[in-house]
Amino acid sequence: QVQLVESGGGLVQPGGSLRLSCAASGSIFSINAMGWYRQTPGKERELVAAFTVGGSANYAEFVRGRFTIARDSTYTLYLQMNRLKPEDTAVYYCNAKLPRAWGTENYWGQGTQVTVSS
């Protein structure tokens, strides 16, 4: 079992910045990939940025060059979001993947709201 707790969301003006954090606890040494997703009402949850099993960072095209994903040795995951746009408004979720004999088990945080508005 893994628990994920996000923080750092809020209201920011267009062009501003926010930094999201995701603290992982529990069986963290079983985690083989972590990432950030976002969701708006009526839409599917979509990948924003993630570290793959191999350790490389992948970004969605719509955030490349503006957002940066990072993590530290305690399995805390970060998302630095710069030059925010109104269309970045969404609930942002932290995800952790654990390999199981039958496949991959996904864990999610509770989500943190990001609102970009003047």
N, C-alpha and C. Protein backbone atom coordinates (compact mmCIF):
# COMPACT_ATOMS: atom_id res chain seq x y z
N GLN A 1 0.84 -1.20 0.00
CA GLN A 1 0.00 0.00 0.00
C GLN A 1 0.87 1.25 0.00
N VAL A 2 0.41 2.22 -0.76
CA VAL A 2 1.10 3.51 -0.83
C VAL A 2 0.07 4.60 -0.61
N GLN A 3 0.45 5.59 0.18
CA GLN A 3 -0.41 6.76 0.39
C GLN A 3 0.28 7.96 -0.26
N LEU A 4 -0.51 8.77 -0.94
CA LEU A 4 -0.01 9.95 -1.64
C LEU A 4 -0.80 11.16 -1.19
N VAL A 5 -0.10 12.21 -0.81
CA VAL A 5 -0.76 13.44 -0.36
C VAL A 5 -0.20 14.62 -1.13
N GLU A 6 -1.06 15.25 -1.93
CA GLU A 6 -0.65 16.41 -2.71
C GLU A 6 -0.85 17.69 -1.93
N SER A 7 -0.07 18.70 -2.28
CA SER A 7 -0.24 20.04 -1.72
C SER A 7 0.32 21.05 -2.71
N GLY A 8 -0.01 22.32 -2.50
CA GLY A 8 0.56 23.37 -3.31
C GLY A 8 -0.37 23.99 -4.34
N GLY A 9 -1.57 23.47 -4.47
CA GLY A 9 -2.50 24.06 -5.42
C GLY A 9 -3.02 25.40 -4.93
N GLY A 10 -3.77 26.07 -5.79
CA GLY A 10 -4.34 27.34 -5.40
C GLY A 10 -4.74 28.16 -6.60
N LEU A 11 -4.99 29.44 -6.34
CA LEU A 11 -5.39 30.40 -7.38
C LEU A 11 -4.19 31.22 -7.79
N VAL A 12 -3.96 31.33 -9.07
CA VAL A 12 -2.83 32.10 -9.58
C VAL A 12 -3.27 32.82 -10.85
N GLN A 13 -2.66 33.97 -11.10
CA GLN A 13 -2.98 34.72 -12.31
C GLN A 13 -2.28 34.11 -13.52
N PRO A 14 -2.82 34.33 -14.69
CA PRO A 14 -2.15 33.86 -15.91
C PRO A 14 -0.72 34.40 -15.97
N GLY A 15 0.20 33.52 -16.35
CA GLY A 15 1.60 33.89 -16.37
C GLY A 15 2.34 33.60 -15.09
N GLY A 16 1.61 33.27 -14.04
CA GLY A 16 2.21 33.01 -12.74
C GLY A 16 2.75 31.60 -12.61
N SER A 17 3.20 31.29 -11.40
CA SER A 17 3.82 29.99 -11.14
C SER A 17 3.23 29.37 -9.88
N LEU A 18 3.27 28.05 -9.85
CA LEU A 18 2.92 27.28 -8.67
C LEU A 18 3.83 26.06 -8.61
N ARG A 19 4.02 25.56 -7.41
CA ARG A 19 4.79 24.33 -7.24
C ARG A 19 3.96 23.34 -6.45
N LEU A 20 3.67 22.22 -7.07
CA LEU A 20 2.93 21.15 -6.41
C LEU A 20 3.90 20.15 -5.79
N SER A 21 3.48 19.59 -4.67
CA SER A 21 4.26 18.54 -4.02
C SER A 21 3.38 17.33 -3.78
N CYS A 22 4.00 16.17 -3.77
CA CYS A 22 3.30 14.92 -3.48
C CYS A 22 4.18 14.09 -2.56
N ALA A 23 3.72 13.93 -1.34
CA ALA A 23 4.47 13.13 -0.37
C ALA A 23 3.97 11.70 -0.38
N ALA A 24 4.87 10.77 -0.58
CA ALA A 24 4.52 9.35 -0.62
C ALA A 24 4.92 8.68 0.69
N SER A 25 4.09 7.75 1.14
CA SER A 25 4.41 6.97 2.34
C SER A 25 3.89 5.56 2.16
N GLY A 26 4.33 4.67 3.02
CA GLY A 26 3.95 3.27 2.91
C GLY A 26 5.04 2.49 2.21
N SER A 27 4.65 1.65 1.28
CA SER A 27 5.61 0.78 0.57
C SER A 27 6.30 1.53 -0.57
N ILE A 28 6.98 2.62 -0.22
CA ILE A 28 7.53 3.50 -1.26
C ILE A 28 8.65 2.84 -2.05
N PHE A 29 9.35 1.90 -1.46
CA PHE A 29 10.47 1.29 -2.17
C PHE A 29 10.00 0.30 -3.24
N SER A 30 8.69 0.06 -3.29
CA SER A 30 8.13 -0.76 -4.35
C SER A 30 7.68 0.07 -5.55
N ILE A 31 7.69 1.39 -5.39
CA ILE A 31 7.27 2.28 -6.48
C ILE A 31 8.29 2.22 -7.61
N ASN A 32 7.82 2.03 -8.84
CA ASN A 32 8.76 2.05 -9.96
C ASN A 32 8.48 3.18 -10.94
N ALA A 33 7.45 3.96 -10.74
CA ALA A 33 7.17 5.11 -11.59
C ALA A 33 6.22 6.05 -10.84
N MET A 34 6.39 7.35 -11.06
CA MET A 34 5.50 8.35 -10.45
C MET A 34 5.25 9.45 -11.46
N GLY A 35 4.11 10.10 -11.31
CA GLY A 35 3.81 11.17 -12.24
C GLY A 35 2.65 12.03 -11.78
N TRP A 36 2.38 13.04 -12.58
CA TRP A 36 1.26 13.96 -12.34
C TRP A 36 0.26 13.86 -13.49
N TYR A 37 -1.01 13.86 -13.11
CA TYR A 37 -2.10 13.86 -14.06
C TYR A 37 -3.03 15.01 -13.69
N ARG A 38 -3.92 15.37 -14.60
CA ARG A 38 -4.91 16.38 -14.27
C ARG A 38 -6.25 16.04 -14.90
N GLN A 39 -7.29 16.63 -14.33
CA GLN A 39 -8.64 16.34 -14.80
C GLN A 39 -9.52 17.55 -14.62
N THR A 40 -10.34 17.82 -15.64
CA THR A 40 -11.35 18.86 -15.56
C THR A 40 -12.72 18.20 -15.69
N PRO A 41 -13.78 18.85 -15.24
CA PRO A 41 -15.12 18.24 -15.27
C PRO A 41 -15.50 17.80 -16.67
N GLY A 42 -15.97 16.58 -16.78
CA GLY A 42 -16.44 16.07 -18.06
C GLY A 42 -15.36 15.55 -18.97
N LYS A 43 -14.11 15.59 -18.52
CA LYS A 43 -13.02 15.12 -19.36
C LYS A 43 -12.28 13.99 -18.67
N GLU A 44 -11.57 13.21 -19.49
CA GLU A 44 -10.76 12.13 -18.97
C GLU A 44 -9.53 12.69 -18.25
N ARG A 45 -9.07 11.94 -17.26
CA ARG A 45 -7.82 12.31 -16.60
C ARG A 45 -6.69 12.15 -17.62
N GLU A 46 -5.79 13.14 -17.65
CA GLU A 46 -4.73 13.12 -18.65
C GLU A 46 -3.36 13.27 -18.01
N LEU A 47 -2.38 12.67 -18.65
CA LEU A 47 -1.00 12.76 -18.18
C LEU A 47 -0.47 14.17 -18.37
N VAL A 48 0.19 14.68 -17.34
CA VAL A 48 0.87 15.97 -17.43
C VAL A 48 2.38 15.73 -17.57
N ALA A 49 2.94 15.01 -16.63
CA ALA A 49 4.37 14.72 -16.63
C ALA A 49 4.60 13.51 -15.75
N ALA A 50 5.59 12.70 -16.09
CA ALA A 50 5.84 11.50 -15.31
C ALA A 50 7.26 11.02 -15.49
N PHE A 51 7.76 10.35 -14.46
CA PHE A 51 9.01 9.61 -14.57
C PHE A 51 8.64 8.18 -14.96
N THR A 52 9.33 7.68 -15.97
CA THR A 52 9.07 6.32 -16.42
C THR A 52 9.80 5.33 -15.52
N VAL A 53 9.57 4.06 -15.77
CA VAL A 53 10.26 3.01 -15.03
C VAL A 53 11.77 3.16 -15.18
N GLY A 54 12.22 3.58 -16.36
CA GLY A 54 13.64 3.76 -16.59
C GLY A 54 14.23 5.02 -15.98
N GLY A 55 13.35 5.91 -15.46
CA GLY A 55 13.83 7.11 -14.78
C GLY A 55 13.81 8.38 -15.61
N SER A 56 13.43 8.28 -16.86
CA SER A 56 13.40 9.48 -17.69
C SER A 56 12.07 10.21 -17.49
N ALA A 57 12.09 11.51 -17.73
CA ALA A 57 10.90 12.34 -17.55
C ALA A 57 10.19 12.53 -18.88
N ASN A 58 8.90 12.30 -18.87
CA ASN A 58 8.07 12.53 -20.04
C ASN A 58 7.07 13.64 -19.75
N TYR A 59 6.81 14.47 -20.74
CA TYR A 59 5.89 15.59 -20.59
C TYR A 59 4.84 15.56 -21.69
N ALA A 60 3.64 15.96 -21.32
CA ALA A 60 2.62 16.19 -22.34
C ALA A 60 3.02 17.39 -23.16
N GLU A 61 2.67 17.38 -24.43
CA GLU A 61 3.07 18.46 -25.32
C GLU A 61 2.58 19.81 -24.82
N PHE A 62 1.42 19.84 -24.21
CA PHE A 62 0.84 21.12 -23.82
C PHE A 62 1.51 21.76 -22.60
N VAL A 63 2.45 21.05 -21.95
CA VAL A 63 3.17 21.65 -20.82
C VAL A 63 4.68 21.69 -21.04
N ARG A 64 5.13 21.08 -22.13
CA ARG A 64 6.59 21.02 -22.36
C ARG A 64 7.17 22.42 -22.45
N GLY A 65 8.23 22.65 -21.69
CA GLY A 65 8.87 23.96 -21.68
C GLY A 65 8.33 24.89 -20.60
N ARG A 66 7.19 24.52 -20.00
CA ARG A 66 6.62 25.36 -18.96
C ARG A 66 6.63 24.66 -17.59
N PHE A 67 6.44 23.35 -17.59
CA PHE A 67 6.38 22.58 -16.34
C PHE A 67 7.63 21.71 -16.22
N THR A 68 8.05 21.48 -14.98
CA THR A 68 9.19 20.61 -14.71
C THR A 68 8.83 19.66 -13.58
N ILE A 69 9.06 18.37 -13.83
CA ILE A 69 8.82 17.37 -12.80
C ILE A 69 10.14 17.03 -12.13
N ALA A 70 10.08 16.81 -10.82
CA ALA A 70 11.28 16.47 -10.07
C ALA A 70 10.88 15.58 -8.90
N ARG A 71 11.86 14.92 -8.34
CA ARG A 71 11.61 14.08 -7.17
C ARG A 71 12.86 14.05 -6.33
N ASP A 72 12.69 13.70 -5.05
CA ASP A 72 13.86 13.59 -4.20
C ASP A 72 13.98 12.16 -3.67
N SER A 73 14.96 11.94 -2.84
CA SER A 73 15.27 10.58 -2.39
C SER A 73 14.22 10.02 -1.44
N THR A 74 13.33 10.88 -0.95
CA THR A 74 12.27 10.40 -0.05
C THR A 74 11.00 10.06 -0.83
N TYR A 75 11.09 10.02 -2.16
CA TYR A 75 9.95 9.75 -3.02
C TYR A 75 8.91 10.86 -2.95
N THR A 76 9.34 12.06 -2.61
CA THR A 76 8.46 13.22 -2.75
C THR A 76 8.57 13.71 -4.18
N LEU A 77 7.42 13.89 -4.80
CA LEU A 77 7.36 14.30 -6.20
C LEU A 77 6.94 15.76 -6.28
N TYR A 78 7.52 16.48 -7.22
CA TYR A 78 7.22 17.90 -7.38
C TYR A 78 6.80 18.19 -8.82
N LEU A 79 6.04 19.25 -8.97
CA LEU A 79 5.72 19.75 -10.30
C LEU A 79 5.82 21.27 -10.25
N GLN A 80 6.87 21.80 -10.85
CA GLN A 80 7.03 23.24 -10.96
C GLN A 80 6.29 23.70 -12.20
N MET A 81 5.32 24.57 -12.01
CA MET A 81 4.48 25.03 -13.12
C MET A 81 4.72 26.51 -13.33
N ASN A 82 5.27 26.86 -14.49
CA ASN A 82 5.54 28.26 -14.83
C ASN A 82 4.70 28.67 -16.02
N ARG A 83 4.57 29.97 -16.19
CA ARG A 83 3.81 30.54 -17.33
C ARG A 83 2.45 29.86 -17.43
N LEU A 84 1.75 29.82 -16.32
CA LEU A 84 0.45 29.14 -16.29
C LEU A 84 -0.58 29.86 -17.15
N LYS A 85 -1.45 29.04 -17.74
CA LYS A 85 -2.51 29.53 -18.61
C LYS A 85 -3.87 29.16 -18.02
N PRO A 86 -4.92 29.88 -18.37
CA PRO A 86 -6.25 29.51 -17.86
C PRO A 86 -6.61 28.06 -18.18
N GLU A 87 -6.16 27.55 -19.31
CA GLU A 87 -6.48 26.18 -19.67
C GLU A 87 -5.74 25.15 -18.83
N ASP A 88 -4.82 25.58 -17.98
CA ASP A 88 -4.17 24.68 -17.04
C ASP A 88 -5.02 24.45 -15.79
N THR A 89 -6.12 25.17 -15.69
CA THR A 89 -7.03 24.99 -14.56
C THR A 89 -7.57 23.57 -14.53
N ALA A 90 -7.37 22.89 -13.40
CA ALA A 90 -7.78 21.48 -13.28
C ALA A 90 -7.48 21.01 -11.86
N VAL A 91 -7.95 19.82 -11.55
CA VAL A 91 -7.51 19.12 -10.34
C VAL A 91 -6.30 18.28 -10.75
N TYR A 92 -5.22 18.46 -10.04
CA TYR A 92 -3.98 17.74 -10.33
C TYR A 92 -3.81 16.59 -9.35
N TYR A 93 -3.52 15.42 -9.91
CA TYR A 93 -3.39 14.20 -9.12
C TYR A 93 -1.99 13.63 -9.23
N CYS A 94 -1.49 13.16 -8.12
CA CYS A 94 -0.22 12.44 -8.09
C CYS A 94 -0.52 10.95 -8.27
N ASN A 95 0.34 10.29 -9.02
CA ASN A 95 0.18 8.86 -9.30
C ASN A 95 1.46 8.11 -8.99
N ALA A 96 1.31 6.94 -8.42
CA ALA A 96 2.45 6.04 -8.20
C ALA A 96 2.09 4.67 -8.74
N LYS A 97 3.05 4.03 -9.38
CA LYS A 97 2.82 2.70 -9.96
C LYS A 97 3.69 1.67 -9.26
N LEU A 98 3.08 0.57 -8.89
CA LEU A 98 3.79 -0.52 -8.26
C LEU A 98 3.62 -1.77 -9.11
N PRO A 99 4.74 -2.45 -9.40
CA PRO A 99 4.62 -3.70 -10.18
C PRO A 99 4.06 -4.82 -9.31
N ARG A 100 3.13 -5.55 -9.88
CA ARG A 100 2.57 -6.72 -9.23
C ARG A 100 2.73 -7.92 -10.16
N ALA A 101 2.54 -9.10 -9.62
CA ALA A 101 2.69 -10.30 -10.43
C ALA A 101 1.70 -10.29 -11.59
N TRP A 102 0.55 -9.65 -11.41
CA TRP A 102 -0.49 -9.64 -12.43
C TRP A 102 -0.44 -8.41 -13.32
N GLY A 103 0.45 -7.47 -13.01
CA GLY A 103 0.51 -6.26 -13.82
C GLY A 103 1.01 -5.08 -13.01
N THR A 104 0.34 -3.93 -13.18
CA THR A 104 0.73 -2.71 -12.49
C THR A 104 -0.42 -2.20 -11.65
N GLU A 105 -0.13 -1.87 -10.40
CA GLU A 105 -1.14 -1.31 -9.53
C GLU A 105 -0.93 0.19 -9.43
N ASN A 106 -1.99 0.94 -9.61
CA ASN A 106 -1.93 2.39 -9.56
C ASN A 106 -2.48 2.92 -8.24
N TYR A 107 -1.77 3.89 -7.69
CA TYR A 107 -2.24 4.61 -6.51
C TYR A 107 -2.38 6.09 -6.87
N TRP A 108 -3.39 6.73 -6.28
CA TRP A 108 -3.68 8.13 -6.56
C TRP A 108 -3.79 8.91 -5.27
N GLY A 109 -3.38 10.17 -5.34
CA GLY A 109 -3.64 11.07 -4.24
C GLY A 109 -5.05 11.61 -4.33
N GLN A 110 -5.40 12.49 -3.40
CA GLN A 110 -6.76 13.02 -3.35
C GLN A 110 -6.97 14.16 -4.33
N GLY A 111 -5.88 14.68 -4.88
CA GLY A 111 -5.97 15.77 -5.84
C GLY A 111 -5.84 17.13 -5.19
N THR A 112 -5.32 18.08 -5.96
CA THR A 112 -5.21 19.45 -5.50
C THR A 112 -5.66 20.38 -6.64
N GLN A 113 -6.50 21.34 -6.30
CA GLN A 113 -7.09 22.22 -7.31
C GLN A 113 -6.10 23.31 -7.70
N VAL A 114 -5.94 23.49 -8.99
CA VAL A 114 -5.17 24.61 -9.53
C VAL A 114 -6.12 25.44 -10.39
N THR A 115 -6.21 26.71 -10.08
CA THR A 115 -7.08 27.62 -10.82
C THR A 115 -6.25 28.78 -11.33
N VAL A 116 -6.27 28.96 -12.64
CA VAL A 116 -5.52 30.04 -13.27
C VAL A 116 -6.53 31.04 -13.82
N SER A 117 -6.58 32.20 -13.18
CA SER A 117 -7.60 33.18 -13.54
C SER A 117 -7.17 34.56 -13.07
N SER A 118 -7.58 35.56 -13.83
CA SER A 118 -7.30 36.94 -13.43
C SER A 118 -8.48 37.50 -12.65
